[in-house]
C-alpha atoms as a PDB file:
ATOM      1  CA  MET A   1      -0.133   0.005  -0.014  1.00  0.00           C
ATOM      2  CA  ALA A   2       1.560   3.306  -0.958  1.00  0.00           C
ATOM      3  CA  ASP A   3       2.167   5.512   1.573  1.00  0.00           C
ATOM      4  CA  ILE A   4      -0.951   8.198   2.598  1.00  0.00           C
ATOM      5  CA  LYS A   5      -0.239   9.437   6.107  1.00  0.00           C
ATOM      6  CA  ASP A   6       0.555  13.037   6.473  1.00  0.00           C
ATOM      7  CA  GLN A   7      -1.368  14.031   3.135  1.00  0.00           C
ATOM      8  CA  LEU A   8      -4.482  16.376   2.914  1.00  0.00           C
ATOM      9  CA  ILE A   9      -7.439  15.021   1.993  1.00  0.00           C
ATOM     10  CA  GLU A  10     -10.392  16.736   0.417  1.00  0.00           C
ATOM     11  CA  THR A  11     -14.329  15.688   0.351  1.00  0.00           C
ATOM     12  CA  VAL A  12     -17.582  16.463   0.478  1.00  0.00           C
ATOM     13  CA  ASP A  13     -19.615  16.194   2.905  1.00  0.00           C
ATOM     14  CA  GLU A  14     -22.909  15.261   2.864  1.00  0.00           C
ATOM     15  CA  ASN A  15     -24.375  19.257   2.419  1.00  0.00           C
ATOM     16  CA  GLY A  16     -22.086  19.844  -0.286  1.00  0.00           C
ATOM     17  CA  ASN A  17     -19.228  21.427   1.433  1.00  0.00           C
ATOM     18  CA  LYS A  18     -15.828  20.672   0.178  1.00  0.00           C
ATOM     19  CA  VAL A  19     -13.969  19.478   3.671  1.00  0.00           C
ATOM     20  CA  THR A  20     -10.449  19.318   4.078  1.00  0.00           C
ATOM     21  CA  PHE A  21      -9.018  17.020   6.516  1.00  0.00           C
ATOM     22  CA  GLU A  22      -5.311  16.015   7.562  1.00  0.00           C
ATOM     23  CA  LEU A  23      -4.679  12.289   7.744  1.00  0.00           C
ATOM     24  CA  LEU A  24      -2.801  11.774  11.112  1.00  0.00           C
ATOM     25  CA  ASP A  25      -2.851   8.102  10.625  1.00  0.00           C
ATOM     26  CA  ILE A  26      -3.935   4.711   9.890  1.00  0.00           C
ATOM     27  CA  VAL A  27      -4.437   1.793  12.325  1.00  0.00           C
ATOM     28  CA  SER A  28      -5.620  -1.558  11.615  1.00  0.00           C
ATOM     29  CA  VAL A  29      -8.006  -3.661  13.860  1.00  0.00           C
ATOM     30  CA  ASP A  30      -9.220  -6.768  13.118  1.00  0.00           C
ATOM     31  CA  ASP A  31      -7.607  -6.059   9.626  1.00  0.00           C
ATOM     32  CA  ILE A  32      -9.531  -3.556   8.778  1.00  0.00           C
ATOM     33  CA  GLU A  33      -8.084  -0.330   8.386  1.00  0.00           C
ATOM     34  CA  TYR A  34      -9.055   3.122   9.580  1.00  0.00           C
ATOM     35  CA  ALA A  35      -7.966   6.409   9.044  1.00  0.00           C
ATOM     36  CA  LEU A  36      -7.609   8.792  11.920  1.00  0.00           C
ATOM     37  CA  LEU A  37      -8.311  12.615  10.024  1.00  0.00           C
ATOM     38  CA  LEU A  38      -8.788  16.141  11.350  1.00  0.00           C
ATOM     39  CA  PRO A  39     -10.527  18.464  10.349  1.00  0.00           C
ATOM     40  CA  ARG A  40      -8.242  21.368   8.475  1.00  0.00           C
ATOM     41  CA  GLU A  41     -11.052  24.127   9.775  1.00  0.00           C
ATOM     42  CA  GLN A  42     -11.643  23.874  12.701  1.00  0.00           C
ATOM     43  CA  GLU A  43     -15.221  26.331  14.156  1.00  0.00           C
ATOM     44  CA  ASN A  44     -14.156  25.705  18.109  1.00  0.00           C
ATOM     45  CA  GLU A  45     -10.652  25.206  19.561  1.00  0.00           C
ATOM     46  CA  GLU A  46     -10.984  21.508  20.370  1.00  0.00           C
ATOM     47  CA  ASP A  47      -9.057  19.122  17.892  1.00  0.00           C
ATOM     48  CA  GLU A  48     -11.725  16.554  17.070  1.00  0.00           C
ATOM     49  CA  VAL A  49     -10.251  13.573  15.478  1.00  0.00           C
ATOM     50  CA  LEU A  50     -12.607  11.869  13.254  1.00  0.00           C
ATOM     51  CA  VAL A  51     -12.134   7.708  12.973  1.00  0.00           C
ATOM     52  CA  MET A  52     -13.107   6.072   9.345  1.00  0.00           C
ATOM     53  CA  ARG A  53     -12.978   3.166   7.762  1.00  0.00           C
ATOM     54  CA  LEU A  54     -10.586   3.166   5.203  1.00  0.00           C
ATOM     55  CA  LYS A  55     -11.236   1.234   1.729  1.00  0.00           C
ATOM     56  CA  LYS A  56      -8.736   0.777  -1.339  1.00  0.00           C
ATOM     57  CA  GLN A  57     -10.501   0.420  -4.586  1.00  0.00           C
ATOM     58  CA  GLY A  58      -7.340  -0.018  -7.025  1.00  0.00           C
ATOM     59  CA  GLU A  59      -5.218   2.572  -7.068  1.00  0.00           C
ATOM     60  CA  ASP A  60      -7.767   4.839  -4.749  1.00  0.00           C
ATOM     61  CA  TYR A  61      -8.859   5.570  -2.076  1.00  0.00           C
ATOM     62  CA  SER A  62     -12.177   5.866   0.193  1.00  0.00           C
ATOM     63  CA  PHE A  63     -13.346   6.729   3.276  1.00  0.00           C
ATOM     64  CA  GLU A  64     -16.493   5.093   5.382  1.00  0.00           C
ATOM     65  CA  ALA A  65     -18.062   6.407   7.879  1.00  0.00           C
ATOM     66  CA  ILE A  66     -18.258   3.828  11.169  1.00  0.00           C
ATOM     67  CA  GLU A  67     -22.331   2.814  11.221  1.00  0.00           C
ATOM     68  CA  ASP A  68     -21.911   0.222  13.483  1.00  0.00           C
ATOM     69  CA  ASP A  69     -21.196   0.931  17.382  1.00  0.00           C
ATOM     70  CA  GLU A  70     -19.504  -2.100  18.884  1.00  0.00           C
ATOM     71  CA  GLU A  71     -17.276  -1.717  15.608  1.00  0.00           C
ATOM     72  CA  PHE A  72     -16.934   1.809  16.653  1.00  0.00           C
ATOM     73  CA  ASN A  73     -16.205   1.018  20.348  1.00  0.00           C
ATOM     74  CA  LYS A  74     -13.240  -1.673  19.282  1.00  0.00           C
ATOM     75  CA  VAL A  75     -11.531   0.982  17.717  1.00  0.00           C
ATOM     76  CA  ALA A  76     -12.104   4.069  20.122  1.00  0.00           C
ATOM     77  CA  GLN A  77     -10.641   0.971  22.792  1.00  0.00           C
ATOM     78  CA  TYR A  78      -7.726  -0.055  21.017  1.00  0.00           C
ATOM     79  CA  ILE A  79      -6.974   4.211  19.774  1.00  0.00           C
ATOM     80  CA  GLU A  80      -6.853   5.186  23.641  1.00  0.00           C
ATOM     81  CA  GLU A  81      -4.566   1.818  24.117  1.00  0.00           C
ATOM     82  CA  LEU A  82      -2.062   3.230  21.453  1.00  0.00           C
ATOM     83  CA  GLU A  83      -2.465   6.685  23.753  1.00  0.00           C
ATOM     84  CA  ASP A  84      -1.775   4.906  26.924  1.00  0.00           C
ATOM     85  CA  GLU A  85       1.447   2.962  25.805  1.00  0.00           C
ATOM     86  CA  ILE A  86       2.844   7.041  24.186  1.00  0.00           C
ATOM     87  CA  ASP A  87       1.798   8.898  27.211  1.00  0.00           C
ATOM     88  CA  GLU A  88       4.548   6.001  29.523  1.00  0.00           C
END
């Protein structure tokens, strides 16, 4: 897989607005890859990282929302464990 970290990702939201994200990292949980995305233009001061399922289609990548709560919680727990390891 090509290294897509540290890239800016431009996409269109459900309202047709162009949104730019910084790709912070890619993590793999249960053989599924997830992208950690930070919106470049924050409306508030809090940095809200989005976690989306990463799919490769040929040479292109797409991002899918995680609809299943159990899947999201599993990925969130994995990310928290990584952060705890970094903080130690």
